[in-house]
N, C-alpha and C. Protein backbone atom coordinates (compact mmCIF):
# COMPACT_ATOMS: atom_id res chain seq x y z
N MET A 1 -45.55 -188.46 22.40
CA MET A 1 -44.29 -188.43 23.04
C MET A 1 -44.45 -188.95 24.48
N LYS A 2 -43.55 -189.82 24.88
CA LYS A 2 -43.58 -190.39 26.22
C LYS A 2 -42.84 -189.49 27.19
N GLN A 3 -43.44 -189.38 28.37
CA GLN A 3 -42.78 -188.60 29.41
C GLN A 3 -41.91 -189.55 30.24
N ILE A 4 -40.66 -189.16 30.45
CA ILE A 4 -39.72 -189.99 31.22
C ILE A 4 -39.77 -189.51 32.67
N SER A 5 -40.06 -190.46 33.57
CA SER A 5 -40.06 -190.08 35.00
C SER A 5 -38.77 -190.57 35.64
N ASN A 6 -38.19 -189.69 36.38
CA ASN A 6 -36.95 -190.03 37.09
C ASN A 6 -37.30 -190.39 38.53
N ASN A 7 -37.00 -191.60 38.89
CA ASN A 7 -37.20 -192.04 40.27
C ASN A 7 -35.83 -192.14 40.92
N GLY A 8 -35.71 -191.61 42.12
CA GLY A 8 -34.44 -191.66 42.83
C GLY A 8 -34.16 -190.34 43.51
N PHE A 9 -32.93 -190.19 43.94
CA PHE A 9 -32.55 -189.00 44.68
C PHE A 9 -31.61 -188.16 43.84
N SER A 10 -31.74 -186.87 44.01
CA SER A 10 -30.81 -185.99 43.32
C SER A 10 -29.52 -185.88 44.14
N LEU A 11 -28.50 -185.38 43.53
CA LEU A 11 -27.22 -185.22 44.21
C LEU A 11 -27.35 -184.28 45.40
N ILE A 12 -28.13 -183.25 45.27
CA ILE A 12 -28.34 -182.29 46.36
C ILE A 12 -29.00 -182.99 47.55
N GLU A 13 -30.00 -183.81 47.30
CA GLU A 13 -30.67 -184.52 48.40
C GLU A 13 -29.71 -185.46 49.11
N LEU A 14 -28.87 -186.17 48.35
CA LEU A 14 -27.89 -187.06 48.96
C LEU A 14 -26.87 -186.28 49.78
N MET A 15 -26.44 -185.12 49.28
CA MET A 15 -25.49 -184.30 50.03
C MET A 15 -26.10 -183.79 51.34
N ILE A 16 -27.35 -183.44 51.31
CA ILE A 16 -28.03 -182.98 52.53
C ILE A 16 -28.10 -184.11 53.56
N VAL A 17 -28.43 -185.31 53.12
CA VAL A 17 -28.49 -186.46 54.02
C VAL A 17 -27.12 -186.75 54.62
N VAL A 18 -26.08 -186.72 53.79
CA VAL A 18 -24.72 -186.96 54.29
C VAL A 18 -24.33 -185.88 55.30
N ALA A 19 -24.68 -184.64 55.04
CA ALA A 19 -24.37 -183.55 55.98
C ALA A 19 -25.09 -183.75 57.31
N ILE A 20 -26.35 -184.16 57.28
CA ILE A 20 -27.11 -184.41 58.51
C ILE A 20 -26.49 -185.55 59.29
N ILE A 21 -26.11 -186.61 58.61
CA ILE A 21 -25.46 -187.75 59.29
C ILE A 21 -24.15 -187.30 59.91
N GLY A 22 -23.39 -186.47 59.20
CA GLY A 22 -22.13 -185.95 59.75
C GLY A 22 -22.34 -185.12 60.99
N ILE A 23 -23.36 -184.29 61.01
CA ILE A 23 -23.65 -183.46 62.18
C ILE A 23 -24.04 -184.34 63.36
N ILE A 24 -24.89 -185.31 63.13
CA ILE A 24 -25.31 -186.22 64.20
C ILE A 24 -24.12 -187.00 64.73
N ALA A 25 -23.25 -187.48 63.84
CA ALA A 25 -22.07 -188.24 64.27
C ALA A 25 -21.12 -187.36 65.07
N SER A 26 -20.95 -186.10 64.67
CA SER A 26 -20.03 -185.22 65.40
C SER A 26 -20.55 -184.89 66.80
N ILE A 27 -21.84 -184.99 67.01
CA ILE A 27 -22.42 -184.78 68.33
C ILE A 27 -22.35 -186.07 69.14
N ALA A 28 -22.61 -187.19 68.52
CA ALA A 28 -22.70 -188.47 69.24
C ALA A 28 -21.33 -189.06 69.59
N TYR A 29 -20.32 -188.87 68.76
CA TYR A 29 -19.03 -189.52 68.99
C TYR A 29 -18.36 -189.12 70.30
N PRO A 30 -18.30 -187.83 70.65
CA PRO A 30 -17.70 -187.47 71.94
C PRO A 30 -18.46 -188.09 73.13
N SER A 31 -19.76 -188.17 73.03
CA SER A 31 -20.53 -188.81 74.10
C SER A 31 -20.20 -190.29 74.20
N TYR A 32 -20.02 -190.93 73.07
CA TYR A 32 -19.66 -192.35 73.05
C TYR A 32 -18.29 -192.56 73.68
N VAL A 33 -17.31 -191.73 73.30
CA VAL A 33 -15.96 -191.85 73.85
C VAL A 33 -15.99 -191.62 75.36
N SER A 34 -16.74 -190.63 75.80
CA SER A 34 -16.87 -190.36 77.23
C SER A 34 -17.47 -191.56 77.96
N PHE A 35 -18.46 -192.20 77.36
CA PHE A 35 -19.07 -193.39 77.95
C PHE A 35 -18.06 -194.52 78.05
N VAL A 36 -17.28 -194.74 77.00
CA VAL A 36 -16.27 -195.81 77.00
C VAL A 36 -15.21 -195.56 78.07
N VAL A 37 -14.74 -194.32 78.19
CA VAL A 37 -13.73 -193.98 79.20
C VAL A 37 -14.30 -194.22 80.60
N GLY A 38 -15.52 -193.79 80.84
CA GLY A 38 -16.15 -194.01 82.14
C GLY A 38 -16.35 -195.48 82.45
N SER A 39 -16.71 -196.24 81.43
CA SER A 39 -16.89 -197.68 81.60
C SER A 39 -15.57 -198.37 81.95
N ASN A 40 -14.50 -198.00 81.25
CA ASN A 40 -13.19 -198.57 81.54
C ASN A 40 -12.70 -198.16 82.92
N ARG A 41 -13.00 -196.91 83.33
CA ARG A 41 -12.63 -196.46 84.67
C ARG A 41 -13.36 -197.29 85.72
N GLY A 42 -14.62 -197.59 85.48
CA GLY A 42 -15.39 -198.43 86.40
C GLY A 42 -14.79 -199.83 86.52
N ALA A 43 -14.33 -200.38 85.41
CA ALA A 43 -13.68 -201.70 85.45
C ALA A 43 -12.39 -201.62 86.25
N ALA A 44 -11.63 -200.53 86.09
CA ALA A 44 -10.38 -200.37 86.84
C ALA A 44 -10.67 -200.23 88.34
N GLN A 45 -11.74 -199.54 88.68
CA GLN A 45 -12.11 -199.41 90.09
C GLN A 45 -12.46 -200.77 90.68
N ALA A 46 -13.20 -201.57 89.94
CA ALA A 46 -13.54 -202.92 90.40
C ALA A 46 -12.28 -203.77 90.53
N ASP A 47 -11.35 -203.63 89.59
CA ASP A 47 -10.10 -204.39 89.67
C ASP A 47 -9.24 -203.93 90.84
N LEU A 48 -9.25 -202.63 91.15
CA LEU A 48 -8.52 -202.16 92.32
C LEU A 48 -9.10 -202.75 93.61
N MET A 49 -10.41 -202.86 93.67
CA MET A 49 -11.04 -203.45 94.85
C MET A 49 -10.68 -204.94 94.95
N ALA A 50 -10.64 -205.62 93.81
CA ALA A 50 -10.24 -207.04 93.81
C ALA A 50 -8.77 -207.18 94.20
N LEU A 51 -7.92 -206.25 93.74
CA LEU A 51 -6.51 -206.27 94.15
C LEU A 51 -6.40 -206.01 95.64
N ALA A 52 -7.22 -205.10 96.17
CA ALA A 52 -7.21 -204.84 97.62
C ALA A 52 -7.59 -206.10 98.39
N ALA A 53 -8.56 -206.85 97.90
CA ALA A 53 -8.93 -208.12 98.55
C ALA A 53 -7.77 -209.11 98.49
N ALA A 54 -7.06 -209.14 97.37
CA ALA A 54 -5.90 -210.02 97.25
C ALA A 54 -4.79 -209.58 98.22
N MET A 55 -4.65 -208.28 98.40
CA MET A 55 -3.67 -207.78 99.37
C MET A 55 -4.03 -208.22 100.79
N GLU A 56 -5.32 -208.19 101.10
CA GLU A 56 -5.76 -208.63 102.43
C GLU A 56 -5.49 -210.12 102.63
N ARG A 57 -5.74 -210.91 101.60
CA ARG A 57 -5.44 -212.35 101.70
C ARG A 57 -3.94 -212.57 101.90
N HIS A 58 -3.13 -211.76 101.20
CA HIS A 58 -1.67 -211.86 101.36
C HIS A 58 -1.27 -211.53 102.80
N LYS A 59 -1.89 -210.50 103.37
CA LYS A 59 -1.55 -210.12 104.74
C LYS A 59 -1.94 -211.22 105.73
N VAL A 60 -3.10 -211.84 105.51
CA VAL A 60 -3.53 -212.92 106.40
C VAL A 60 -2.53 -214.08 106.36
N ALA A 61 -2.04 -214.37 105.18
CA ALA A 61 -1.11 -215.50 105.03
C ALA A 61 0.30 -215.17 105.51
N ASN A 62 0.70 -213.89 105.40
CA ASN A 62 2.08 -213.51 105.69
C ASN A 62 2.24 -212.52 106.84
N TYR A 63 1.15 -212.12 107.45
CA TYR A 63 1.16 -211.16 108.57
C TYR A 63 1.70 -209.80 108.17
N SER A 64 1.76 -209.52 106.88
CA SER A 64 2.27 -208.24 106.39
C SER A 64 1.88 -208.09 104.92
N TYR A 65 1.82 -206.85 104.47
CA TYR A 65 1.56 -206.59 103.05
C TYR A 65 2.86 -206.69 102.24
N LYS A 66 3.99 -206.74 102.92
CA LYS A 66 5.27 -206.77 102.23
C LYS A 66 5.41 -208.04 101.38
N GLY A 67 6.10 -207.90 100.26
CA GLY A 67 6.35 -209.04 99.38
C GLY A 67 5.21 -209.40 98.46
N ALA A 68 4.22 -208.52 98.33
CA ALA A 68 3.06 -208.82 97.48
C ALA A 68 3.29 -208.50 96.01
N ALA A 69 4.38 -207.81 95.69
CA ALA A 69 4.68 -207.45 94.31
C ALA A 69 5.47 -208.57 93.64
N SER A 70 5.62 -208.46 92.36
CA SER A 70 6.36 -209.47 91.58
C SER A 70 7.78 -209.63 92.11
N GLY A 71 8.22 -210.86 92.16
CA GLY A 71 9.57 -211.16 92.62
C GLY A 71 9.77 -210.95 94.10
N GLY A 72 8.69 -210.88 94.87
CA GLY A 72 8.79 -210.69 96.31
C GLY A 72 9.07 -209.26 96.73
N ALA A 73 9.01 -208.34 95.76
CA ALA A 73 9.24 -206.92 96.08
C ALA A 73 8.04 -206.34 96.81
N ASP A 74 8.21 -205.15 97.36
CA ASP A 74 7.12 -204.50 98.07
C ASP A 74 6.28 -203.63 97.15
N THR A 75 6.87 -203.04 96.13
CA THR A 75 6.14 -202.18 95.21
C THR A 75 6.34 -202.65 93.78
N GLY A 76 5.46 -202.15 92.92
CA GLY A 76 5.54 -202.51 91.51
C GLY A 76 4.36 -203.36 91.09
N SER A 77 4.55 -204.13 90.07
CA SER A 77 3.51 -204.99 89.52
C SER A 77 3.11 -206.05 90.56
N PRO A 78 1.82 -206.23 90.82
CA PRO A 78 1.43 -207.19 91.86
C PRO A 78 1.64 -208.64 91.44
N ALA A 79 2.05 -209.46 92.40
CA ALA A 79 2.16 -210.90 92.18
C ALA A 79 0.91 -211.60 92.67
N VAL A 80 0.10 -210.89 93.47
CA VAL A 80 -1.07 -211.51 94.09
C VAL A 80 -2.33 -211.30 93.27
N PHE A 81 -2.23 -210.60 92.13
CA PHE A 81 -3.38 -210.29 91.28
C PHE A 81 -2.87 -209.95 89.89
N HIS A 82 -3.79 -209.83 88.93
CA HIS A 82 -3.41 -209.42 87.57
C HIS A 82 -2.72 -208.06 87.60
N ALA A 83 -1.84 -207.84 86.67
CA ALA A 83 -1.12 -206.57 86.60
C ALA A 83 -1.78 -205.59 85.64
N HIS A 84 -2.97 -205.93 85.15
CA HIS A 84 -3.64 -205.04 84.20
C HIS A 84 -5.15 -205.02 84.46
N SER A 85 -5.79 -204.02 83.90
CA SER A 85 -7.24 -203.90 83.96
C SER A 85 -7.73 -203.50 82.58
N PRO A 86 -8.83 -204.04 82.12
CA PRO A 86 -9.73 -204.98 82.77
C PRO A 86 -9.10 -206.37 82.90
N SER A 87 -9.15 -206.90 84.10
CA SER A 87 -8.51 -208.19 84.38
C SER A 87 -9.26 -209.35 83.74
N SER A 88 -10.49 -209.11 83.31
CA SER A 88 -11.27 -210.16 82.67
C SER A 88 -10.91 -210.34 81.20
N GLU A 89 -10.05 -209.47 80.68
CA GLU A 89 -9.64 -209.52 79.28
C GLU A 89 -8.15 -209.84 79.18
N PRO A 90 -7.69 -210.23 77.99
CA PRO A 90 -6.25 -210.49 77.82
C PRO A 90 -5.43 -209.22 78.05
N ALA A 91 -4.18 -209.38 78.40
CA ALA A 91 -3.30 -208.24 78.68
C ALA A 91 -3.17 -207.32 77.47
N GLY A 92 -3.35 -207.83 76.27
CA GLY A 92 -3.27 -207.00 75.07
C GLY A 92 -4.38 -205.97 74.98
N ASN A 93 -5.46 -206.15 75.72
CA ASN A 93 -6.59 -205.22 75.73
C ASN A 93 -6.57 -204.30 76.94
N LYS A 94 -5.48 -204.28 77.67
CA LYS A 94 -5.45 -203.53 78.93
C LYS A 94 -5.63 -202.04 78.70
N LYS A 95 -6.31 -201.43 79.63
CA LYS A 95 -6.53 -199.98 79.62
C LYS A 95 -5.78 -199.32 80.78
N TYR A 96 -5.50 -200.11 81.83
CA TYR A 96 -4.79 -199.61 83.01
C TYR A 96 -3.73 -200.63 83.42
N ASP A 97 -2.63 -200.13 83.96
CA ASP A 97 -1.62 -200.97 84.61
C ASP A 97 -1.87 -200.86 86.11
N LEU A 98 -2.02 -201.99 86.78
CA LEU A 98 -2.22 -202.01 88.22
C LEU A 98 -0.87 -202.14 88.91
N LYS A 99 -0.66 -201.34 89.96
CA LYS A 99 0.62 -201.34 90.67
C LYS A 99 0.40 -201.18 92.16
N ILE A 100 1.31 -201.79 92.91
CA ILE A 100 1.38 -201.52 94.35
C ILE A 100 2.28 -200.31 94.47
N ALA A 101 1.71 -199.17 94.87
CA ALA A 101 2.45 -197.92 94.89
C ALA A 101 3.35 -197.80 96.11
N THR A 102 2.81 -198.08 97.30
CA THR A 102 3.60 -197.96 98.52
C THR A 102 3.20 -199.05 99.52
N ILE A 103 4.14 -199.43 100.33
CA ILE A 103 3.92 -200.29 101.49
C ILE A 103 4.62 -199.58 102.65
N SER A 104 3.94 -199.46 103.78
CA SER A 104 4.56 -198.79 104.93
C SER A 104 5.77 -199.58 105.43
N ALA A 105 6.62 -198.92 106.18
CA ALA A 105 7.82 -199.57 106.72
C ALA A 105 7.47 -200.75 107.62
N THR A 106 6.33 -200.64 108.31
CA THR A 106 5.90 -201.73 109.20
C THR A 106 5.17 -202.83 108.45
N GLY A 107 4.80 -202.58 107.20
CA GLY A 107 4.07 -203.57 106.41
C GLY A 107 2.60 -203.66 106.76
N ASN A 108 2.08 -202.64 107.47
CA ASN A 108 0.69 -202.66 107.91
C ASN A 108 -0.25 -201.81 107.07
N SER A 109 0.25 -201.09 106.08
CA SER A 109 -0.62 -200.30 105.22
C SER A 109 -0.02 -200.24 103.81
N TYR A 110 -0.86 -199.91 102.85
CA TYR A 110 -0.43 -199.87 101.46
C TYR A 110 -1.25 -198.86 100.69
N SER A 111 -0.79 -198.55 99.51
CA SER A 111 -1.60 -197.85 98.51
C SER A 111 -1.36 -198.55 97.18
N ILE A 112 -2.44 -198.71 96.43
CA ILE A 112 -2.35 -199.33 95.10
C ILE A 112 -2.93 -198.34 94.10
N LYS A 113 -2.51 -198.48 92.87
CA LYS A 113 -3.03 -197.54 91.87
C LYS A 113 -3.19 -198.20 90.51
N ALA A 114 -4.05 -197.59 89.72
CA ALA A 114 -4.28 -197.99 88.33
C ALA A 114 -3.84 -196.82 87.46
N GLU A 115 -2.83 -197.06 86.64
CA GLU A 115 -2.31 -196.03 85.75
C GLU A 115 -2.85 -196.26 84.34
N PRO A 116 -3.45 -195.23 83.71
CA PRO A 116 -3.94 -195.40 82.34
C PRO A 116 -2.80 -195.74 81.38
N VAL A 117 -3.10 -196.60 80.42
CA VAL A 117 -2.11 -196.99 79.41
C VAL A 117 -2.13 -195.97 78.29
N SER A 118 -0.95 -195.50 77.90
CA SER A 118 -0.89 -194.54 76.80
C SER A 118 -1.30 -195.22 75.49
N GLY A 119 -1.88 -194.44 74.62
CA GLY A 119 -2.34 -194.98 73.34
C GLY A 119 -3.74 -195.55 73.40
N THR A 120 -4.39 -195.45 74.54
CA THR A 120 -5.78 -195.91 74.69
C THR A 120 -6.64 -194.69 75.00
N PRO A 121 -7.95 -194.83 74.90
CA PRO A 121 -8.82 -193.69 75.26
C PRO A 121 -8.64 -193.25 76.71
N GLN A 122 -8.07 -194.12 77.57
CA GLN A 122 -7.89 -193.81 78.98
C GLN A 122 -6.68 -192.92 79.24
N ALA A 123 -5.82 -192.73 78.25
CA ALA A 123 -4.52 -192.09 78.46
C ALA A 123 -4.62 -190.75 79.19
N ASP A 124 -5.66 -190.00 79.00
CA ASP A 124 -5.80 -188.68 79.63
C ASP A 124 -6.76 -188.70 80.81
N ASP A 125 -6.99 -189.86 81.41
CA ASP A 125 -8.01 -189.98 82.44
C ASP A 125 -7.48 -189.77 83.86
N GLY A 126 -6.21 -189.92 84.11
CA GLY A 126 -5.67 -189.75 85.46
C GLY A 126 -5.62 -191.06 86.23
N ASP A 127 -4.69 -191.15 87.18
CA ASP A 127 -4.50 -192.36 87.97
C ASP A 127 -5.62 -192.53 88.99
N LEU A 128 -5.96 -193.80 89.26
CA LEU A 128 -6.91 -194.15 90.31
C LEU A 128 -6.12 -194.76 91.47
N TYR A 129 -6.49 -194.42 92.69
CA TYR A 129 -5.79 -194.92 93.87
C TYR A 129 -6.77 -195.60 94.82
N TYR A 130 -6.25 -196.56 95.57
CA TYR A 130 -6.99 -197.15 96.69
C TYR A 130 -5.99 -197.34 97.82
N PHE A 131 -6.41 -196.96 99.02
CA PHE A 131 -5.55 -197.04 100.20
C PHE A 131 -6.08 -198.09 101.15
N SER A 132 -5.19 -198.69 101.92
CA SER A 132 -5.58 -199.77 102.83
C SER A 132 -6.56 -199.32 103.89
N ASP A 133 -6.65 -198.02 104.16
CA ASP A 133 -7.62 -197.54 105.14
C ASP A 133 -8.98 -197.24 104.52
N GLY A 134 -9.15 -197.59 103.25
CA GLY A 134 -10.44 -197.44 102.58
C GLY A 134 -10.60 -196.17 101.77
N ARG A 135 -9.65 -195.27 101.82
CA ARG A 135 -9.75 -194.05 101.02
C ARG A 135 -9.55 -194.38 99.54
N LYS A 136 -10.21 -193.60 98.72
CA LYS A 136 -10.10 -193.76 97.27
C LYS A 136 -9.71 -192.42 96.68
N GLY A 137 -8.97 -192.44 95.59
CA GLY A 137 -8.57 -191.20 94.96
C GLY A 137 -8.52 -191.31 93.45
N TRP A 138 -8.74 -190.17 92.80
CA TRP A 138 -8.67 -190.09 91.35
C TRP A 138 -7.96 -188.80 91.00
N ASP A 139 -6.78 -188.89 90.44
CA ASP A 139 -5.96 -187.74 90.07
C ASP A 139 -6.50 -187.15 88.76
N GLN A 140 -7.60 -186.42 88.87
CA GLN A 140 -8.26 -185.88 87.68
C GLN A 140 -7.39 -184.88 86.93
N ASN A 141 -6.65 -184.06 87.64
CA ASN A 141 -5.84 -183.05 86.95
C ASN A 141 -4.49 -183.59 86.50
N LYS A 142 -4.21 -184.84 86.75
CA LYS A 142 -3.03 -185.54 86.26
C LYS A 142 -1.72 -184.85 86.64
N ASP A 143 -1.65 -184.35 87.88
CA ASP A 143 -0.42 -183.69 88.33
C ASP A 143 0.47 -184.61 89.16
N GLY A 144 0.09 -185.87 89.33
CA GLY A 144 0.91 -186.83 90.04
C GLY A 144 0.66 -186.90 91.53
N SER A 145 -0.23 -186.07 92.04
CA SER A 145 -0.58 -186.13 93.46
C SER A 145 -2.07 -185.89 93.62
N LEU A 146 -2.58 -186.29 94.77
CA LEU A 146 -4.01 -186.13 95.03
C LEU A 146 -4.25 -184.86 95.84
N ALA A 147 -5.05 -183.96 95.30
CA ALA A 147 -5.46 -182.76 96.02
C ALA A 147 -6.60 -183.14 96.96
N ALA A 148 -6.96 -182.23 97.85
CA ALA A 148 -8.01 -182.52 98.84
C ALA A 148 -9.32 -182.93 98.18
N GLY A 149 -9.66 -182.34 97.06
CA GLY A 149 -10.92 -182.64 96.38
C GLY A 149 -10.88 -183.88 95.49
N GLU A 150 -9.73 -184.55 95.44
CA GLU A 150 -9.60 -185.71 94.56
C GLU A 150 -9.64 -187.04 95.31
N TYR A 151 -9.99 -187.01 96.58
CA TYR A 151 -10.09 -188.25 97.35
C TYR A 151 -11.48 -188.85 97.20
N CYS A 152 -11.82 -189.18 95.99
CA CYS A 152 -13.05 -189.90 95.67
C CYS A 152 -12.93 -190.40 94.24
N TRP A 153 -13.74 -191.36 93.90
CA TRP A 153 -13.72 -191.89 92.54
C TRP A 153 -14.78 -191.25 91.65
N ALA A 154 -15.70 -190.53 92.23
CA ALA A 154 -16.78 -189.93 91.45
C ALA A 154 -16.74 -188.41 91.55
N CYS A 155 -15.56 -187.83 91.68
CA CYS A 155 -15.43 -186.37 91.83
C CYS A 155 -15.91 -185.67 90.58
């Protein structure tokens, strides 16, 4: 009588492997999402700095920050730079909307911000701000204003 040898994996062994892969994935996925959000935030910070440079060029040419938004307005979507971030990608891939938030009455100071786009991993990340005096802010608690401890990008 010939002995039949079974080569391969049993169903139990395959289920154990699938369970191990599931556990590893459940640990790794949140870290991956956190990395992607941080990476996109870094791109938005770089784009805010580039928008700030565009604002400075606008002031040199016009002696004021006024009129730097679309249609010659003072606030809203910028006309002097891309209106989205990452600016190196098409607008369909945007993670943040860039906006000129305020211009002083004298036209000598401004604040710009990057608002996360809903429906993206950034949606719960909070607004990023940059001020003409060099201050930076990140509204981590998403309450619409910057608390004393939120005047930094790496809080």
